Amino acid sequence: MQLPDVAEDQAVATVHRAMEIGINHYETARGYANSEELLGRALKGFDRSRFFLTTKITPKHYQNYRKYIEESLTRLQTDYLDNFDLHGINNDEQLNYTFMKGGVLETVRKAMSEGLIRHLGFSSHGPLEIILKTMETGEFESVNLHYYYFNQRNLQAIKRAGELKMGVLIISPTDKGGQLHKAPQYLMELTSPYHPITINLRFCLSNPEVTTVTVGAAHPDEFNPHIEAAKYSGALTEGEQEIIERLNLQYKKLGGTLCTLCHKCLPCPEQINIPEVLRLRNLALAFNMVEFGKYRYKMFENADHWFWGKKATFCTRCNECLPRCPERLNIPDLLAQAHAIFSLDKGKRKWSD
């Protein structure tokens, strides 16, 4: 639960409502402003055995890791963490901070031996290859990653997690998954009679490997679409499948300009994250998700390894990507179009390392 921009009384009321409806896993991070303190206050007084608590700290803080773990425990007002995630193993540098001599893994294992941490996982906003590489170390019991109807790139990692018997937590399916809490009317019509939040959660949870999803509510009244999704379990119902197929058909409107997100266009010599730019273009044109595209596009060049890549305007039309594209897309033209749709003033980050 990330609540850096929410008043304390509202945050507490939201957590209390979550407990009331049976939500029993609360996930935060040291870098989410004052979220740990808010969550600690909100959960104070509840039976500790009724809920699971996760927090996260980035590996780059390896020199102060023990101190930071203890500070998180103090802020959360708890004696132990049910789960602890190494936050943001997004590239080889973060992986090195984890496994080097004197790195964070040694510190965490010691904390586990003392009962401060019960289970160890990791989160990643990085490329699929980094996620799989980290999973294959065998050091982690769970993975915290992006996977939604509108971004299915990490399906391979989810399937591999199932084979490795790792837990899978989906990062921010409502917000990062499409800003579905303020979905455009066109998308609302496409997913009717369900809310887009409900369909997206059901899409995620219909994968047997997915063990939990984050809700991300910031107000006690925001749980209804999530509760609706919890009414069902297992494979998608016939009605849900029809909605997914309706969404799938929307991509046809892009015709010969649809990017299938194979990632074969990379690497780009200008460090443009071509597949992500074109994914956002897909969503804007197929689902009218322009505002979501702007929200994500402004993060390029502003979020370091958390959201890598430069804006499409850096394209020099070197055309190195063209022969790699199996769809034979005119990638430079599509990048220019995407930049025109999404370009706006830079926004500030809402988290820190």
Protein backbone atom coordinates (compact mmCIF):
# COMPACT_ATOMS: atom_id res chain seq x y z
CA MET A 1 0.00 0.00 0.00
CA GLN A 2 1.62 3.24 -1.19
CA LEU A 3 0.05 6.30 0.42
CA PRO A 4 2.59 9.16 0.29
CA ASP A 5 0.03 11.73 -0.90
CA VAL A 6 -2.88 10.75 1.35
CA ALA A 7 -3.87 12.44 4.61
CA GLU A 8 -3.25 10.31 7.69
CA ASP A 9 -6.90 9.96 8.73
CA GLN A 10 -7.86 8.90 5.21
CA ALA A 11 -4.99 6.42 5.04
CA VAL A 12 -5.95 4.89 8.37
CA ALA A 13 -9.61 4.67 7.36
CA THR A 14 -8.61 2.98 4.09
CA VAL A 15 -6.53 0.35 5.87
CA HIS A 16 -9.30 -0.26 8.41
CA ARG A 17 -11.78 -0.76 5.57
CA ALA A 18 -9.34 -3.18 3.94
CA MET A 19 -9.13 -5.20 7.15
CA GLU A 20 -12.91 -5.14 7.42
CA ILE A 21 -13.41 -6.72 3.99
CA GLY A 22 -10.74 -9.36 4.57
CA ILE A 23 -7.61 -8.02 2.86
CA ASN A 24 -4.73 -9.60 4.75
CA HIS A 25 -1.53 -8.61 2.88
CA TYR A 26 -0.08 -5.10 3.15
CA GLU A 27 2.91 -4.13 1.04
CA THR A 28 4.95 -0.94 1.23
CA ALA A 29 8.57 0.25 0.90
CA ARG A 30 11.12 2.45 2.60
CA GLY A 31 11.15 4.68 -0.47
CA TYR A 32 7.40 5.37 -0.50
CA ALA A 33 7.60 8.67 1.40
CA ASN A 34 5.94 8.17 4.84
CA SER A 35 3.99 5.06 3.83
CA GLU A 36 5.68 2.80 6.40
CA GLU A 37 4.77 5.14 9.25
CA LEU A 38 1.17 5.49 8.04
CA LEU A 39 0.77 1.76 7.66
CA GLY A 40 2.27 1.13 11.09
CA ARG A 41 -0.19 3.52 12.70
CA ALA A 42 -3.13 2.14 10.73
CA LEU A 43 -2.43 -1.49 11.66
CA LYS A 44 -1.63 -0.80 15.30
CA GLY A 45 -4.08 -2.59 17.54
CA PHE A 46 -4.99 -5.34 15.08
CA ASP A 47 -4.11 -8.94 15.86
CA ARG A 48 -0.69 -9.38 14.17
CA SER A 49 -1.59 -12.93 13.17
CA ARG A 50 -4.46 -11.62 11.00
CA PHE A 51 -2.30 -10.04 8.30
CA PHE A 52 0.93 -10.41 6.35
CA LEU A 53 3.33 -7.49 6.09
CA THR A 54 5.86 -6.80 3.33
CA THR A 55 8.29 -3.93 2.93
CA LYS A 56 11.08 -3.31 0.45
CA ILE A 57 14.51 -1.64 0.45
CA THR A 58 16.69 -1.09 -2.62
CA PRO A 59 19.94 -3.11 -2.85
CA LYS A 60 22.07 -0.02 -3.47
CA HIS A 61 21.79 0.79 0.24
CA TYR A 62 23.86 -2.30 1.12
CA GLN A 63 26.20 -0.35 3.42
CA ASN A 64 23.32 0.65 5.72
CA TYR A 65 21.02 -2.30 5.10
CA ARG A 66 20.80 -3.61 8.66
CA LYS A 67 20.08 -0.13 9.98
CA TYR A 68 17.38 0.39 7.35
CA ILE A 69 15.71 -2.95 8.11
CA GLU A 70 15.54 -2.02 11.79
CA GLU A 71 14.15 1.43 10.92
CA SER A 72 11.43 -0.17 8.79
CA LEU A 73 10.45 -2.45 11.64
CA THR A 74 10.22 0.57 13.95
CA ARG A 75 8.14 2.59 11.49
CA LEU A 76 5.80 -0.34 10.87
CA GLN A 77 5.53 -0.96 14.64
CA THR A 78 6.22 -4.66 14.29
CA ASP A 79 8.79 -7.15 15.56
CA TYR A 80 9.05 -9.05 12.29
CA LEU A 81 8.26 -8.91 8.59
CA ASP A 82 6.34 -11.77 7.05
CA ASN A 83 8.04 -11.00 3.75
CA PHE A 84 10.89 -8.74 2.73
CA ASP A 85 11.61 -7.75 -0.87
CA LEU A 86 14.86 -6.48 -2.30
CA HIS A 87 13.37 -3.45 -4.01
CA GLY A 88 14.07 -2.84 -7.67
CA ILE A 89 16.47 -5.45 -9.00
CA ASN A 90 16.15 -3.74 -12.37
CA ASN A 91 19.63 -4.23 -13.80
CA ASP A 92 22.93 -6.00 -13.24
CA GLU A 93 24.19 -3.25 -10.95
CA GLN A 94 21.37 -3.87 -8.45
CA LEU A 95 21.94 -7.61 -8.78
CA ASN A 96 25.61 -7.10 -7.95
CA TYR A 97 24.75 -5.10 -4.81
CA THR A 98 22.72 -8.13 -3.78
CA PHE A 99 25.24 -10.92 -4.25
CA MET A 100 28.62 -9.30 -3.72
CA LYS A 101 30.62 -10.04 -0.58
CA GLY A 102 29.17 -7.85 2.15
CA GLY A 103 26.10 -7.23 0.02
CA VAL A 104 22.47 -7.15 1.01
CA LEU A 105 21.84 -10.88 0.76
CA GLU A 106 24.29 -11.54 3.59
CA THR A 107 22.60 -8.91 5.75
CA VAL A 108 19.10 -10.18 5.03
CA ARG A 109 20.04 -13.80 5.72
CA LYS A 110 21.39 -12.78 9.11
CA ALA A 111 18.18 -10.88 9.88
CA MET A 112 16.22 -13.97 8.89
CA SER A 113 18.27 -16.12 11.24
CA GLU A 114 17.30 -13.73 14.04
CA GLY A 115 13.59 -13.92 13.24
CA LEU A 116 13.27 -10.35 11.96
CA ILE A 117 12.32 -11.54 8.46
CA ARG A 118 10.44 -14.73 7.65
CA HIS A 119 10.49 -14.88 3.85
CA LEU A 120 12.60 -13.26 1.14
CA GLY A 121 11.54 -12.04 -2.30
CA PHE A 122 12.46 -9.34 -4.77
CA SER A 123 10.70 -6.73 -6.86
CA SER A 124 11.65 -5.67 -10.35
CA HIS A 125 10.67 -2.99 -12.82
CA GLY A 126 13.42 -4.20 -15.13
CA PRO A 127 13.65 -6.20 -18.33
CA LEU A 128 12.30 -9.75 -18.47
CA GLU A 129 15.85 -11.05 -18.83
CA ILE A 130 16.91 -9.53 -15.48
CA ILE A 131 13.83 -10.90 -13.74
CA LEU A 132 14.50 -14.42 -15.02
CA LYS A 133 18.21 -14.16 -14.18
CA THR A 134 17.39 -13.17 -10.60
CA MET A 135 14.80 -15.91 -10.22
CA GLU A 136 17.24 -18.55 -11.43
CA THR A 137 19.64 -17.81 -8.56
CA GLY A 138 17.32 -19.84 -6.34
CA GLU A 139 17.68 -17.35 -3.48
CA PHE A 140 14.16 -15.95 -3.52
CA GLU A 141 10.77 -17.29 -2.50
CA SER A 142 8.70 -14.73 -4.38
CA VAL A 143 8.82 -12.16 -7.17
CA ASN A 144 7.03 -8.80 -7.33
CA LEU A 145 6.58 -7.70 -10.97
CA HIS A 146 4.47 -5.97 -13.62
CA TYR A 147 1.87 -8.03 -15.44
CA TYR A 148 -1.54 -6.86 -16.62
CA TYR A 149 -3.93 -7.27 -19.53
CA PHE A 150 -2.35 -4.16 -21.07
CA ASN A 151 1.23 -5.33 -20.45
CA GLN A 152 1.79 -9.09 -20.76
CA ARG A 153 5.54 -9.01 -21.34
CA ASN A 154 6.39 -10.82 -18.09
CA LEU A 155 4.16 -13.86 -18.64
CA GLN A 156 7.23 -16.04 -19.12
CA ALA A 157 8.53 -14.99 -15.69
CA ILE A 158 5.18 -15.80 -14.11
CA LYS A 159 5.17 -19.27 -15.66
CA ARG A 160 8.77 -19.83 -14.53
CA ALA A 161 7.86 -18.72 -11.01
CA GLY A 162 5.20 -21.42 -10.97
CA GLU A 163 7.79 -24.01 -11.95
CA LEU A 164 10.11 -22.76 -9.21
CA LYS A 165 7.23 -22.69 -6.71
CA MET A 166 7.76 -18.98 -6.09
CA GLY A 167 5.00 -16.62 -5.00
CA VAL A 168 3.98 -13.96 -7.52
CA LEU A 169 2.78 -10.49 -6.49
CA ILE A 170 1.52 -8.17 -9.23
CA ILE A 171 2.70 -4.56 -8.91
CA SER A 172 -0.02 -1.90 -9.00
CA PRO A 173 -2.47 -3.48 -11.49
CA THR A 174 -4.91 -0.59 -11.14
CA ASP A 175 -2.51 2.34 -11.52
CA LYS A 176 0.55 1.08 -13.41
CA GLY A 177 -1.73 -1.36 -15.20
CA GLY A 178 -3.55 1.45 -16.98
CA GLN A 179 -4.71 4.10 -14.47
CA LEU A 180 -7.93 2.11 -14.44
CA HIS A 181 -9.32 4.01 -11.46
CA LYS A 182 -9.91 6.83 -13.96
CA ALA A 183 -10.37 4.81 -17.12
CA PRO A 184 -11.64 6.61 -20.24
CA GLN A 185 -15.32 6.17 -21.01
CA TYR A 186 -14.52 4.23 -24.16
CA LEU A 187 -12.67 1.59 -22.15
CA MET A 188 -15.48 1.49 -19.60
CA GLU A 189 -17.90 0.67 -22.43
CA LEU A 190 -15.63 -2.05 -23.77
CA THR A 191 -15.48 -3.86 -20.41
CA SER A 192 -19.17 -3.38 -19.53
CA PRO A 193 -20.91 -4.71 -17.48
CA TYR A 194 -17.71 -4.90 -15.42
CA HIS A 195 -15.36 -2.12 -14.43
CA PRO A 196 -11.93 -2.25 -16.18
CA ILE A 197 -10.36 -2.76 -12.73
CA THR A 198 -12.44 -5.90 -12.22
CA ILE A 199 -11.58 -7.37 -15.61
CA ASN A 200 -7.87 -6.61 -15.23
CA LEU A 201 -7.73 -8.22 -11.78
CA ARG A 202 -9.57 -11.27 -13.03
CA PHE A 203 -7.18 -11.46 -15.98
CA CYS A 204 -4.22 -11.44 -13.58
CA LEU A 205 -5.70 -13.85 -11.04
CA SER A 206 -6.86 -16.32 -13.68
CA ASN A 207 -3.20 -17.26 -14.01
CA PRO A 208 -2.74 -20.03 -11.43
CA GLU A 209 0.82 -18.87 -10.75
CA VAL A 210 -0.32 -15.44 -9.50
CA THR A 211 -0.72 -15.55 -5.74
CA THR A 212 -1.65 -11.95 -4.91
CA VAL A 213 -2.30 -8.56 -6.48
CA THR A 214 -1.97 -5.12 -4.95
CA VAL A 215 -5.10 -3.00 -4.68
CA GLY A 216 -3.64 0.48 -4.28
CA ALA A 217 -6.78 2.04 -2.81
CA ALA A 218 -6.35 5.52 -1.37
CA HIS A 219 -9.89 5.93 -0.01
CA PRO A 220 -12.28 3.59 1.84
CA ASP A 221 -14.80 3.85 -1.01
CA GLU A 222 -12.42 2.57 -3.72
CA PHE A 223 -12.67 -1.15 -3.04
CA ASN A 224 -15.88 -2.09 -4.86
CA PRO A 225 -14.39 -3.10 -8.25
CA HIS A 226 -11.76 -5.14 -6.42
CA ILE A 227 -14.38 -6.87 -4.28
CA GLU A 228 -16.27 -7.76 -7.46
CA ALA A 229 -13.15 -9.45 -8.87
CA ALA A 230 -12.74 -11.45 -5.65
CA LYS A 231 -16.14 -13.05 -6.14
CA TYR A 232 -14.66 -15.43 -8.69
CA SER A 233 -11.59 -17.62 -8.75
CA GLY A 234 -9.84 -19.82 -11.27
CA ALA A 235 -10.21 -19.55 -15.04
CA LEU A 236 -12.07 -16.66 -16.65
CA THR A 237 -15.81 -17.13 -16.95
CA GLU A 238 -17.43 -17.23 -20.38
CA GLY A 239 -18.60 -13.64 -19.94
CA GLU A 240 -15.11 -12.49 -18.93
CA GLN A 241 -13.58 -14.29 -21.89
CA GLU A 242 -15.96 -12.45 -24.19
CA ILE A 243 -14.80 -9.12 -22.76
CA ILE A 244 -11.13 -10.06 -23.18
CA GLU A 245 -11.82 -11.05 -26.78
CA ARG A 246 -13.60 -7.71 -27.30
CA LEU A 247 -10.48 -5.96 -26.03
CA ASN A 248 -8.23 -8.11 -28.20
CA LEU A 249 -10.22 -7.12 -31.29
CA GLN A 250 -9.57 -3.45 -30.57
CA TYR A 251 -5.96 -3.84 -31.63
CA LYS A 252 -7.12 -4.53 -35.19
CA LYS A 253 -7.93 -0.86 -35.60
CA LEU A 254 -4.18 -0.20 -35.68
CA GLY A 255 -3.91 -2.28 -38.83
CA GLY A 256 -0.35 -2.53 -40.15
CA THR A 257 0.98 -0.14 -37.49
CA LEU A 258 0.36 -2.47 -34.53
CA CYS A 259 3.50 -3.20 -32.54
CA THR A 260 3.40 -6.78 -31.26
CA LEU A 261 6.00 -5.95 -28.56
CA CYS A 262 8.48 -8.68 -29.51
CA HIS A 263 11.40 -6.43 -28.37
CA LYS A 264 13.51 -7.48 -31.37
CA CYS A 265 14.00 -3.80 -32.25
CA LEU A 266 16.34 -3.40 -29.28
CA PRO A 267 18.96 -2.30 -28.51
CA CYS A 268 18.45 1.25 -29.72
CA PRO A 269 21.71 3.25 -30.08
CA GLU A 270 19.90 6.29 -28.66
CA GLN A 271 18.59 4.31 -25.66
CA ILE A 272 14.93 4.75 -26.62
CA ASN A 273 12.72 2.11 -25.06
CA ILE A 274 11.03 1.48 -28.41
CA PRO A 275 8.66 -1.33 -27.31
CA GLU A 276 7.35 0.64 -24.34
CA VAL A 277 6.78 3.80 -26.39
CA LEU A 278 4.91 1.80 -29.02
CA ARG A 279 2.94 -0.12 -26.37
CA LEU A 280 1.65 3.20 -25.06
CA ARG A 281 0.81 4.20 -28.62
CA ASN A 282 -1.12 0.95 -29.06
CA LEU A 283 -3.18 1.71 -25.95
CA ALA A 284 -3.85 5.33 -26.89
CA LEU A 285 -5.16 4.46 -30.34
CA ALA A 286 -6.96 1.22 -29.51
CA PHE A 287 -8.52 2.15 -26.16
CA ASN A 288 -8.31 5.95 -25.95
CA MET A 289 -5.88 5.57 -23.04
CA VAL A 290 -4.12 8.81 -23.90
CA GLU A 291 -3.89 10.14 -20.36
CA PHE A 292 -2.33 6.91 -19.15
CA GLY A 293 0.16 7.14 -22.01
CA LYS A 294 1.08 10.68 -20.97
CA TYR A 295 1.45 9.60 -17.36
CA ARG A 296 3.92 6.88 -18.27
CA TYR A 297 5.66 8.72 -21.10
CA LYS A 298 6.67 11.61 -18.85
CA MET A 299 8.60 9.11 -16.72
CA PHE A 300 11.16 8.50 -19.47
CA GLU A 301 14.44 10.20 -18.45
CA ASN A 302 12.98 10.93 -15.00
CA ALA A 303 13.02 7.57 -13.24
CA ASP A 304 16.53 6.16 -13.74
CA HIS A 305 16.53 2.33 -13.80
CA TRP A 306 12.95 2.18 -12.53
CA PHE A 307 11.64 3.10 -15.99
CA TRP A 308 14.50 3.12 -18.44
CA GLY A 309 14.76 4.83 -21.78
CA LYS A 310 14.73 8.20 -23.48
CA LYS A 311 11.76 9.88 -25.10
CA ALA A 312 11.01 9.11 -28.73
CA THR A 313 12.16 12.56 -29.85
CA PHE A 314 15.76 11.31 -29.52
CA CYS A 315 15.27 9.10 -32.58
CA THR A 316 17.88 10.03 -35.24
CA ARG A 317 16.29 7.81 -37.90
CA CYS A 318 19.42 5.70 -38.06
CA ASN A 319 17.05 2.86 -39.05
CA GLU A 320 19.03 0.15 -37.24
CA CYS A 321 15.77 -1.16 -35.79
CA LEU A 322 13.98 -1.56 -39.13
CA PRO A 323 15.48 -4.85 -40.38
CA ARG A 324 14.93 -6.42 -36.94
CA CYS A 325 11.19 -5.75 -36.90
CA PRO A 326 9.22 -8.82 -38.04
CA GLU A 327 6.15 -6.61 -38.68
CA ARG A 328 8.18 -4.30 -40.96
CA LEU A 329 6.91 -1.26 -39.09
CA ASN A 330 8.14 2.22 -39.93
CA ILE A 331 9.40 2.60 -36.37
CA PRO A 332 10.84 6.14 -36.65
CA ASP A 333 7.50 7.47 -37.93
CA LEU A 334 5.58 5.67 -35.19
CA LEU A 335 7.94 7.03 -32.54
CA ALA A 336 7.41 10.54 -33.84
CA GLN A 337 3.64 10.05 -33.74
CA ALA A 338 3.80 8.71 -30.18
CA HIS A 339 5.89 11.66 -29.03
CA ALA A 340 3.37 14.07 -30.51
CA ILE A 341 0.55 12.31 -28.62
CA PHE A 342 2.28 12.06 -25.25
CA SER A 343 4.74 14.93 -25.03
CA LEU A 344 4.19 17.11 -21.96
CA ASP A 345 6.09 18.77 -19.14
CA LYS A 346 8.20 16.59 -16.92
CA GLY A 347 6.56 15.27 -13.78
CA LYS A 348 8.12 14.55 -10.43
CA ARG A 349 8.71 11.08 -9.07
CA LYS A 350 6.54 9.94 -6.16
CA TRP A 351 9.06 7.53 -4.71
CA SER A 352 12.74 7.46 -3.88
CA ASP A 353 15.51 4.92 -3.60
